[in-house]
């Protein structure tokens, strides 16, 4: 839920899909641990992360820390990252 939920202990964390992707594996481990009565791990978001927003005109806004730019190169990078994510998520688990 990284791009729509507020973290109780880190409310200042920006809502971004990158957090949701990084939370997924930890969430799975915590669900298994909870079912077995084990100890839960805490998610620690990164302070700086790559954010890419497609602007619909063949360009995208790229933001990382204090760097921000709007370019076709950023749109190509976003497309590449998104396609790789979809390709990986289609693989069978196990």
PDB file of N, CA and C in Angstrom:
ATOM      1  N   UNK A   1       0.827  -1.202   0.000  1.00  0.00           N
ATOM      2  CA  UNK A   1       0.000   0.000   0.000  1.00  0.00           C
ATOM      3  C   UNK A   1       0.860   1.249   0.000  1.00  0.00           C
ATOM      4  N   UNK A   2       2.125   1.143  -0.410  1.00  0.00           N
ATOM      5  CA  UNK A   2       3.068   2.245  -0.320  1.00  0.00           C
ATOM      6  C   UNK A   2       2.683   3.523  -1.014  1.00  0.00           C
ATOM      7  N   UNK A   3       1.850   3.453  -2.054  1.00  0.00           N
ATOM      8  CA  UNK A   3       1.518   4.694  -2.740  1.00  0.00           C
ATOM      9  C   UNK A   3       0.175   5.276  -2.305  1.00  0.00           C
ATOM     10  N   UNK A   4      -0.450   4.693  -1.297  1.00  0.00           N
ATOM     11  CA  UNK A   4      -1.721   5.265  -0.832  1.00  0.00           C
ATOM     12  C   UNK A   4      -1.901   5.208   0.677  1.00  0.00           C
ATOM     13  N   UNK A   5      -0.995   4.580   1.390  1.00  0.00           N
ATOM     14  CA  UNK A   5      -1.143   4.449   2.846  1.00  0.00           C
ATOM     15  C   UNK A   5      -0.076   5.254   3.576  1.00  0.00           C
ATOM     16  N   UNK A   6      -0.423   5.728   4.737  1.00  0.00           N
ATOM     17  CA  UNK A   6       0.528   6.446   5.584  1.00  0.00           C
ATOM     18  C   UNK A   6       1.107   5.468   6.600  1.00  0.00           C
ATOM     19  N   UNK A   7       2.421   5.475   6.723  1.00  0.00           N
ATOM     20  CA  UNK A   7       3.074   4.631   7.714  1.00  0.00           C
ATOM     21  C   UNK A   7       2.904   5.271   9.089  1.00  0.00           C
ATOM     22  N   UNK A   8       2.386   4.520  10.028  1.00  0.00           N
ATOM     23  CA  UNK A   8       2.099   5.053  11.356  1.00  0.00           C
ATOM     24  C   UNK A   8       3.332   5.674  12.007  1.00  0.00           C
ATOM     25  N   UNK A   9       4.471   4.982  11.919  1.00  0.00           N
ATOM     26  CA  UNK A   9       5.672   5.495  12.594  1.00  0.00           C
ATOM     27  C   UNK A   9       6.528   6.390  11.698  1.00  0.00           C
ATOM     28  N   UNK A  10       6.119   6.582  10.447  1.00  0.00           N
ATOM     29  CA  UNK A  10       6.850   7.474   9.532  1.00  0.00           C
ATOM     30  C   UNK A  10       5.861   8.217   8.632  1.00  0.00           C
ATOM     31  N   UNK A  11       5.014   9.059   9.201  1.00  0.00           N
ATOM     32  CA  UNK A  11       3.983   9.735   8.407  1.00  0.00           C
ATOM     33  C   UNK A  11       4.542  10.693   7.362  1.00  0.00           C
ATOM     34  N   UNK A  12       5.812  11.094   7.497  1.00  0.00           N
ATOM     35  CA  UNK A  12       6.417  12.015   6.535  1.00  0.00           C
ATOM     36  C   UNK A  12       6.858  11.326   5.248  1.00  0.00           C
ATOM     37  N   UNK A  13       6.823   9.992   5.210  1.00  0.00           N
ATOM     38  CA  UNK A  13       7.257   9.249   4.033  1.00  0.00           C
ATOM     39  C   UNK A  13       6.342   9.554   2.854  1.00  0.00           C
ATOM     40  N   UNK A  14       6.909   9.997   1.728  1.00  0.00           N
ATOM     41  CA  UNK A  14       6.073  10.289   0.562  1.00  0.00           C
ATOM     42  C   UNK A  14       5.353   9.037   0.068  1.00  0.00           C
ATOM     43  N   UNK A  15       4.165   9.213  -0.437  1.00  0.00           N
ATOM     44  CA  UNK A  15       3.401   8.095  -0.991  1.00  0.00           C
ATOM     45  C   UNK A  15       3.901   7.844  -2.410  1.00  0.00           C
ATOM     46  N   UNK A  16       4.507   6.687  -2.602  1.00  0.00           N
ATOM     47  CA  UNK A  16       5.098   6.357  -3.893  1.00  0.00           C
ATOM     48  C   UNK A  16       5.067   4.850  -4.095  1.00  0.00           C
ATOM     49  N   UNK A  17       4.842   4.454  -5.330  1.00  0.00           N
ATOM     50  CA  UNK A  17       4.782   3.039  -5.675  1.00  0.00           C
ATOM     51  C   UNK A  17       6.034   2.279  -5.315  1.00  0.00           C
ATOM     52  N   UNK A  18       7.177   2.951  -5.325  1.00  0.00           N
ATOM     53  CA  UNK A  18       8.430   2.282  -4.989  1.00  0.00           C
ATOM     54  C   UNK A  18       8.377   1.711  -3.568  1.00  0.00           C
ATOM     55  N   UNK A  19       7.680   2.395  -2.674  1.00  0.00           N
ATOM     56  CA  UNK A  19       7.549   1.873  -1.314  1.00  0.00           C
ATOM     57  C   UNK A  19       6.670   0.623  -1.312  1.00  0.00           C
ATOM     58  N   UNK A  20       5.620   0.630  -2.099  1.00  0.00           N
ATOM     59  CA  UNK A  20       4.744  -0.539  -2.173  1.00  0.00           C
ATOM     60  C   UNK A  20       5.524  -1.752  -2.682  1.00  0.00           C
ATOM     61  N   UNK A  21       6.343  -1.547  -3.699  1.00  0.00           N
ATOM     62  CA  UNK A  21       7.135  -2.651  -4.262  1.00  0.00           C
ATOM     63  C   UNK A  21       8.123  -3.176  -3.229  1.00  0.00           C
ATOM     64  N   UNK A  22       8.745  -2.286  -2.496  1.00  0.00           N
ATOM     65  CA  UNK A  22       9.731  -2.714  -1.494  1.00  0.00           C
ATOM     66  C   UNK A  22       9.058  -3.339  -0.263  1.00  0.00           C
ATOM     67  N   UNK A  23       7.824  -2.958   0.014  1.00  0.00           N
ATOM     68  CA  UNK A  23       7.118  -3.512   1.172  1.00  0.00           C
ATOM     69  C   UNK A  23       6.607  -4.929   0.901  1.00  0.00           C
ATOM     70  N   UNK A  24       6.379  -5.275  -0.348  1.00  0.00           N
ATOM     71  CA  UNK A  24       5.781  -6.566  -0.694  1.00  0.00           C
ATOM     72  C   UNK A  24       6.468  -7.775  -0.075  1.00  0.00           C
ATOM     73  N   UNK A  25       7.765  -7.978  -0.335  1.00  0.00           N
ATOM     74  CA  UNK A  25       8.449  -9.153   0.235  1.00  0.00           C
ATOM     75  C   UNK A  25       8.422  -9.167   1.765  1.00  0.00           C
ATOM     76  N   UNK A  26       8.586  -8.009   2.377  1.00  0.00           N
ATOM     77  CA  UNK A  26       8.551  -7.933   3.835  1.00  0.00           C
ATOM     78  C   UNK A  26       7.154  -8.260   4.358  1.00  0.00           C
ATOM     79  N   UNK A  27       6.137  -7.769   3.674  1.00  0.00           N
ATOM     80  CA  UNK A  27       4.765  -8.082   4.065  1.00  0.00           C
ATOM     81  C   UNK A  27       4.535  -9.589   4.028  1.00  0.00           C
ATOM     82  N   UNK A  28       5.008 -10.248   2.980  1.00  0.00           N
ATOM     83  CA  UNK A  28       4.841 -11.705   2.876  1.00  0.00           C
ATOM     84  C   UNK A  28       5.524 -12.412   4.053  1.00  0.00           C
ATOM     85  N   UNK A  29       6.777 -12.025   4.328  1.00  0.00           N
ATOM     86  CA  UNK A  29       7.501 -12.652   5.447  1.00  0.00           C
ATOM     87  C   UNK A  29       6.774 -12.409   6.770  1.00  0.00           C
ATOM     88  N   UNK A  30       6.226 -11.212   6.943  1.00  0.00           N
ATOM     89  CA  UNK A  30       5.501 -10.913   8.177  1.00  0.00           C
ATOM     90  C   UNK A  30       4.193 -11.694   8.289  1.00  0.00           C
ATOM     91  N   UNK A  31       3.514 -11.906   7.184  1.00  0.00           N
ATOM     92  CA  UNK A  31       2.287 -12.710   7.216  1.00  0.00           C
ATOM     93  C   UNK A  31       2.599 -14.144   7.625  1.00  0.00           C
ATOM     94  N   UNK A  32       3.660 -14.697   7.055  1.00  0.00           N
ATOM     95  CA  UNK A  32       4.079 -16.061   7.407  1.00  0.00           C
ATOM     96  C   UNK A  32       4.497 -16.110   8.884  1.00  0.00           C
ATOM     97  N   UNK A  33       5.280 -15.122   9.315  1.00  0.00           N
ATOM     98  CA  UNK A  33       5.727 -15.085  10.714  1.00  0.00           C
ATOM     99  C   UNK A  33       4.540 -14.956  11.660  1.00  0.00           C
ATOM    100  N   UNK A  34       3.573 -14.119  11.321  1.00  0.00           N
ATOM    101  CA  UNK A  34       2.395 -13.941  12.176  1.00  0.00           C
ATOM    102  C   UNK A  34       1.592 -15.235  12.274  1.00  0.00           C
ATOM    103  N   UNK A  35       1.463 -15.938  11.161  1.00  0.00           N
ATOM    104  CA  UNK A  35       0.718 -17.205  11.168  1.00  0.00           C
ATOM    105  C   UNK A  35       1.408 -18.257  12.017  1.00  0.00           C
ATOM    106  N   UNK A  36       2.732 -18.168  12.114  1.00  0.00           N
ATOM    107  CA  UNK A  36       3.511 -19.139  12.892  1.00  0.00           C
ATOM    108  C   UNK A  36       3.852 -18.636  14.290  1.00  0.00           C
ATOM    109  N   UNK A  37       3.337 -17.470  14.636  1.00  0.00           N
ATOM    110  CA  UNK A  37       3.624 -16.911  15.958  1.00  0.00           C
ATOM    111  C   UNK A  37       5.018 -16.330  16.079  1.00  0.00           C
ATOM    112  N   UNK A  38       5.620 -15.989  14.941  1.00  0.00           N
ATOM    113  CA  UNK A  38       6.987 -15.471  14.950  1.00  0.00           C
ATOM    114  C   UNK A  38       7.049 -13.963  15.137  1.00  0.00           C
ATOM    115  N   UNK A  39       8.256 -13.466  15.081  1.00  0.00           N
ATOM    116  CA  UNK A  39       8.505 -12.038  15.261  1.00  0.00           C
ATOM    117  C   UNK A  39       8.371 -11.307  13.926  1.00  0.00           C
ATOM    118  N   UNK A  40       7.767 -10.130  13.962  1.00  0.00           N
ATOM    119  CA  UNK A  40       7.554  -9.338  12.752  1.00  0.00           C
ATOM    120  C   UNK A  40       8.711  -8.373  12.538  1.00  0.00           C
ATOM    121  N   UNK A  41       9.050  -8.133  11.280  1.00  0.00           N
ATOM    122  CA  UNK A  41      10.098  -7.175  10.919  1.00  0.00           C
ATOM    123  C   UNK A  41       9.452  -5.833  10.587  1.00  0.00           C
ATOM    124  N   UNK A  42      10.166  -4.774  10.815  1.00  0.00           N
ATOM    125  CA  UNK A  42       9.670  -3.417  10.563  1.00  0.00           C
ATOM    126  C   UNK A  42      10.179  -2.926   9.213  1.00  0.00           C
ATOM    127  N   UNK A  43       9.311  -2.288   8.438  1.00  0.00           N
ATOM    128  CA  UNK A  43       9.705  -1.692   7.162  1.00  0.00           C
ATOM    129  C   UNK A  43      10.404  -0.368   7.418  1.00  0.00           C
ATOM    130  N   UNK A  44      11.544  -0.185   6.772  1.00  0.00           N
ATOM    131  CA  UNK A  44      12.287   1.068   6.878  1.00  0.00           C
ATOM    132  C   UNK A  44      12.436   1.662   5.483  1.00  0.00           C
ATOM    133  N   UNK A  45      11.630   2.674   5.169  1.00  0.00           N
ATOM    134  CA  UNK A  45      11.705   3.268   3.827  1.00  0.00           C
ATOM    135  C   UNK A  45      13.021   4.012   3.618  1.00  0.00           C
ATOM    136  N   UNK A  46      13.464   4.040   2.388  1.00  0.00           N
ATOM    137  CA  UNK A  46      14.662   4.803   2.051  1.00  0.00           C
ATOM    138  C   UNK A  46      14.325   6.293   2.070  1.00  0.00           C
ATOM    139  N   UNK A  47      15.295   7.073   2.457  1.00  0.00           N
ATOM    140  CA  UNK A  47      15.070   8.531   2.472  1.00  0.00           C
ATOM    141  C   UNK A  47      15.028   9.084   1.053  1.00  0.00           C
ATOM    142  N   UNK A  48      15.928   8.613   0.204  1.00  0.00           N
ATOM    143  CA  UNK A  48      15.943   9.049  -1.198  1.00  0.00           C
ATOM    144  C   UNK A  48      15.553   7.870  -2.064  1.00  0.00           C
ATOM    145  N   UNK A  49      14.721   8.135  -3.046  1.00  0.00           N
ATOM    146  CA  UNK A  49      14.314   7.087  -3.977  1.00  0.00           C
ATOM    147  C   UNK A  49      14.016   7.723  -5.324  1.00  0.00           C
ATOM    148  N   UNK A  50      14.073   6.927  -6.362  1.00  0.00           N
ATOM    149  CA  UNK A  50      13.793   7.396  -7.707  1.00  0.00           C
ATOM    150  C   UNK A  50      12.287   7.457  -7.917  1.00  0.00           C
ATOM    151  N   UNK A  51      11.796   8.613  -8.326  1.00  0.00           N
ATOM    152  CA  UNK A  51      10.383   8.778  -8.667  1.00  0.00           C
ATOM    153  C   UNK A  51      10.298   9.177 -10.134  1.00  0.00           C
ATOM    154  N   UNK A  52       9.429   8.505 -10.876  1.00  0.00           N
ATOM    155  CA  UNK A  52       9.224   8.797 -12.293  1.00  0.00           C
ATOM    156  C   UNK A  52       7.737   8.963 -12.543  1.00  0.00           C
ATOM    157  N   UNK A  53       7.367  10.041 -13.207  1.00  0.00           N
ATOM    158  CA  UNK A  53       5.968  10.322 -13.508  1.00  0.00           C
ATOM    159  C   UNK A  53       5.837  10.627 -14.994  1.00  0.00           C
ATOM    160  N   UNK A  54       5.129   9.767 -15.715  1.00  0.00           N
ATOM    161  CA  UNK A  54       4.892   9.968 -17.146  1.00  0.00           C
ATOM    162  C   UNK A  54       3.938  11.145 -17.318  1.00  0.00           C
ATOM    163  N   UNK A  55       4.293  12.097 -18.172  1.00  0.00           N
ATOM    164  CA  UNK A  55       3.446  13.274 -18.370  1.00  0.00           C
ATOM    165  C   UNK A  55       2.554  13.149 -19.606  1.00  0.00           C
ATOM    166  N   UNK A  56       2.592  11.996 -20.279  1.00  0.00           N
ATOM    167  CA  UNK A  56       1.679  11.729 -21.377  1.00  0.00           C
ATOM    168  C   UNK A  56       2.057  12.376 -22.698  1.00  0.00           C
ATOM    169  N   UNK A  57       3.189  13.027 -22.769  1.00  0.00           N
ATOM    170  CA  UNK A  57       3.613  13.694 -24.005  1.00  0.00           C
ATOM    171  C   UNK A  57       4.943  13.146 -24.514  1.00  0.00           C
ATOM    172  N   UNK A  58       5.253  11.904 -24.113  1.00  0.00           N
ATOM    173  CA  UNK A  58       6.523  11.303 -24.506  1.00  0.00           C
ATOM    174  C   UNK A  58       7.661  11.642 -23.574  1.00  0.00           C
ATOM    175  N   UNK A  59       7.349  12.391 -22.522  1.00  0.00           N
ATOM    176  CA  UNK A  59       8.364  12.751 -21.538  1.00  0.00           C
ATOM    177  C   UNK A  59       7.896  12.324 -20.151  1.00  0.00           C
ATOM    178  N   UNK A  60       8.808  12.377 -19.211  1.00  0.00           N
ATOM    179  CA  UNK A  60       8.476  12.046 -17.827  1.00  0.00           C
ATOM    180  C   UNK A  60       9.265  12.958 -16.905  1.00  0.00           C
ATOM    181  N   UNK A  61       8.741  13.120 -15.713  1.00  0.00           N
ATOM    182  CA  UNK A  61       9.447  13.853 -14.669  1.00  0.00           C
ATOM    183  C   UNK A  61      10.218  12.823 -13.854  1.00  0.00           C
ATOM    184  N   UNK A  62      11.496  13.062 -13.687  1.00  0.00           N
ATOM    185  CA  UNK A  62      12.353  12.212 -12.872  1.00  0.00           C
ATOM    186  C   UNK A  62      12.758  13.029 -11.659  1.00  0.00           C
ATOM    187  N   UNK A  63      12.615  12.456 -10.491  1.00  0.00           N
ATOM    188  CA  UNK A  63      13.048  13.119  -9.266  1.00  0.00           C
ATOM    189  C   UNK A  63      13.828  12.126  -8.416  1.00  0.00           C
ATOM    190  N   UNK A  64      14.976  12.573  -7.944  1.00  0.00           N
ATOM    191  CA  UNK A  64      15.804  11.767  -7.054  1.00  0.00           C
ATOM    192  C   UNK A  64      16.527  12.727  -6.120  1.00  0.00           C
ATOM    193  N   UNK A  65      16.175  12.678  -4.848  1.00  0.00           N
ATOM    194  CA  UNK A  65      16.758  13.632  -3.905  1.00  0.00           C
ATOM    195  C   UNK A  65      16.410  15.047  -4.335  1.00  0.00           C
ATOM    196  N   UNK A  66      17.431  15.874  -4.528  1.00  0.00           N
ATOM    197  CA  UNK A  66      17.212  17.264  -4.942  1.00  0.00           C
ATOM    198  C   UNK A  66      17.239  17.434  -6.456  1.00  0.00           C
ATOM    199  N   UNK A  67      17.533  16.361  -7.195  1.00  0.00           N
ATOM    200  CA  UNK A  67      17.579  16.404  -8.655  1.00  0.00           C
ATOM    201  C   UNK A  67      16.183  16.209  -9.225  1.00  0.00           C
ATOM    202  N   UNK A  68      15.822  17.014 -10.184  1.00  0.00           N
ATOM    203  CA  UNK A  68      14.556  16.849 -10.896  1.00  0.00           C
ATOM    204  C   UNK A  68      14.759  17.268 -12.347  1.00  0.00           C
ATOM    205  N   UNK A  69      14.192  16.478 -13.257  1.00  0.00           N
ATOM    206  CA  UNK A  69      14.254  16.836 -14.669  1.00  0.00           C
ATOM    207  C   UNK A  69      13.041  16.281 -15.398  1.00  0.00           C
ATOM    208  N   UNK A  70      12.787  16.835 -16.561  1.00  0.00           N
ATOM    209  CA  UNK A  70      11.648  16.441 -17.385  1.00  0.00           C
ATOM    210  C   UNK A  70      12.190  16.198 -18.781  1.00  0.00           C
ATOM    211  N   UNK A  71      12.123  14.938 -19.238  1.00  0.00           N
ATOM    212  CA  UNK A  71      12.755  14.633 -20.516  1.00  0.00           C
ATOM    213  C   UNK A  71      12.200  13.360 -21.143  1.00  0.00           C
ATOM    214  N   UNK A  72      12.541  13.177 -22.413  1.00  0.00           N
ATOM    215  CA  UNK A  72      12.197  11.935 -23.124  1.00  0.00           C
ATOM    216  C   UNK A  72      13.020  10.778 -22.563  1.00  0.00           C
ATOM    217  N   UNK A  73      14.263  11.066 -22.180  1.00  0.00           N
ATOM    218  CA  UNK A  73      15.116  10.036 -21.601  1.00  0.00           C
ATOM    219  C   UNK A  73      14.473   9.467 -20.345  1.00  0.00           C
ATOM    220  N   UNK A  74      13.891  10.328 -19.508  1.00  0.00           N
ATOM    221  CA  UNK A  74      13.240   9.870 -18.279  1.00  0.00           C
ATOM    222  C   UNK A  74      12.041   8.988 -18.609  1.00  0.00           C
ATOM    223  N   UNK A  75      11.314   9.317 -19.677  1.00  0.00           N
ATOM    224  CA  UNK A  75      10.170   8.495 -20.089  1.00  0.00           C
ATOM    225  C   UNK A  75      10.639   7.114 -20.552  1.00  0.00           C
ATOM    226  N   UNK A  76      11.738   7.075 -21.274  1.00  0.00           N
ATOM    227  CA  UNK A  76      12.277   5.774 -21.714  1.00  0.00           C
ATOM    228  C   UNK A  76      12.729   4.948 -20.512  1.00  0.00           C
ATOM    229  N   UNK A  77      13.356   5.600 -19.543  1.00  0.00           N
ATOM    230  CA  UNK A  77      13.781   4.899 -18.334  1.00  0.00           C
ATOM    231  C   UNK A  77      12.571   4.342 -17.584  1.00  0.00           C
ATOM    232  N   UNK A  78      11.520   5.153 -17.450  1.00  0.00           N
ATOM    233  CA  UNK A  78      10.308   4.694 -16.773  1.00  0.00           C
ATOM    234  C   UNK A  78       9.706   3.496 -17.495  1.00  0.00           C
ATOM    235  N   UNK A  79       9.618   3.566 -18.802  1.00  0.00           N
ATOM    236  CA  UNK A  79       9.073   2.456 -19.592  1.00  0.00           C
ATOM    237  C   UNK A  79       9.885   1.185 -19.366  1.00  0.00           C
ATOM    238  N   UNK A  80      11.195   1.315 -19.376  1.00  0.00           N
ATOM    239  CA  UNK A  80      12.068   0.153 -19.170  1.00  0.00           C
ATOM    240  C   UNK A  80      11.867  -0.458 -17.779  1.00  0.00           C
ATOM    241  N   UNK A  81      11.826   0.386 -16.767  1.00  0.00           N
ATOM    242  CA  UNK A  81      11.632  -0.091 -15.397  1.00  0.00           C
ATOM    243  C   UNK A  81      10.259  -0.745 -15.243  1.00  0.00           C
ATOM    244  N   UNK A  82       9.226  -0.113 -15.785  1.00  0.00           N
ATOM    245  CA  UNK A  82       7.873  -0.664 -15.677  1.00  0.00           C
ATOM    246  C   UNK A  82       7.751  -2.009 -16.388  1.00  0.00           C
ATOM    247  N   UNK A  83       8.311  -2.104 -17.584  1.00  0.00           N
ATOM    248  CA  UNK A  83       8.240  -3.379 -18.327  1.00  0.00           C
ATOM    249  C   UNK A  83       8.985  -4.491 -17.588  1.00  0.00           C
ATOM    250  N   UNK A  84      10.146  -4.159 -17.023  1.00  0.00           N
ATOM    251  CA  UNK A  84      10.908  -5.157 -16.260  1.00  0.00           C
ATOM    252  C   UNK A  84      10.112  -5.613 -15.037  1.00  0.00           C
ATOM    253  N   UNK A  85       9.457  -4.679 -14.359  1.00  0.00           N
ATOM    254  CA  UNK A  85       8.650  -5.024 -13.191  1.00  0.00           C
ATOM    255  C   UNK A  85       7.505  -5.966 -13.584  1.00  0.00           C
ATOM    256  N   UNK A  86       6.806  -5.654 -14.657  1.00  0.00           N
ATOM    257  CA  UNK A  86       5.693  -6.501 -15.096  1.00  0.00           C
ATOM    258  C   UNK A  86       6.207  -7.878 -15.503  1.00  0.00           C
ATOM    259  N   UNK A  87       7.309  -7.909 -16.228  1.00  0.00           N
ATOM    260  CA  UNK A  87       7.886  -9.198 -16.655  1.00  0.00           C
ATOM    261  C   UNK A  87       8.250 -10.054 -15.448  1.00  0.00           C
ATOM    262  N   UNK A  88       8.861  -9.462 -14.453  1.00  0.00           N
ATOM    263  CA  UNK A  88       9.247 -10.210 -13.246  1.00  0.00           C
ATOM    264  C   UNK A  88       8.033 -10.665 -12.446  1.00  0.00           C
ATOM    265  N   UNK A  89       7.003  -9.848 -12.413  1.00  0.00           N
ATOM    266  CA  UNK A  89       5.825 -10.216 -11.602  1.00  0.00           C
ATOM    267  C   UNK A  89       4.993 -11.295 -12.265  1.00  0.00           C
ATOM    268  N   UNK A  90       5.202 -11.563 -13.519  1.00  0.00           N
ATOM    269  CA  UNK A  90       4.473 -12.631 -14.221  1.00  0.00           C
ATOM    270  C   UNK A  90       5.100 -14.000 -14.000  1.00  0.00           C
ATOM    271  N   UNK A  91       6.347 -14.028 -13.512  1.00  0.00           N
ATOM    272  CA  UNK A  91       7.022 -15.315 -13.288  1.00  0.00           C
ATOM    273  C   UNK A  91       6.340 -16.069 -12.151  1.00  0.00           C
ATOM    274  N   UNK A  92       6.255 -17.398 -12.301  1.00  0.00           N
ATOM    275  CA  UNK A  92       5.703 -18.196 -11.185  1.00  0.00           C
ATOM    276  C   UNK A  92       6.612 -18.117  -9.960  1.00  0.00           C
ATOM    277  N   UNK A  93       6.022 -18.082  -8.821  1.00  0.00           N
ATOM    278  CA  UNK A  93       6.775 -18.032  -7.562  1.00  0.00           C
ATOM    279  C   UNK A  93       7.190 -19.440  -7.178  1.00  0.00           C
ATOM    280  N   UNK A  94       8.432 -19.583  -6.707  1.00  0.00           N
ATOM    281  CA  UNK A  94       8.881 -20.877  -6.214  1.00  0.00           C
ATOM    282  C   UNK A  94       9.854 -21.458  -7.089  1.00  0.00           C
TER     283      UNK A  94
END
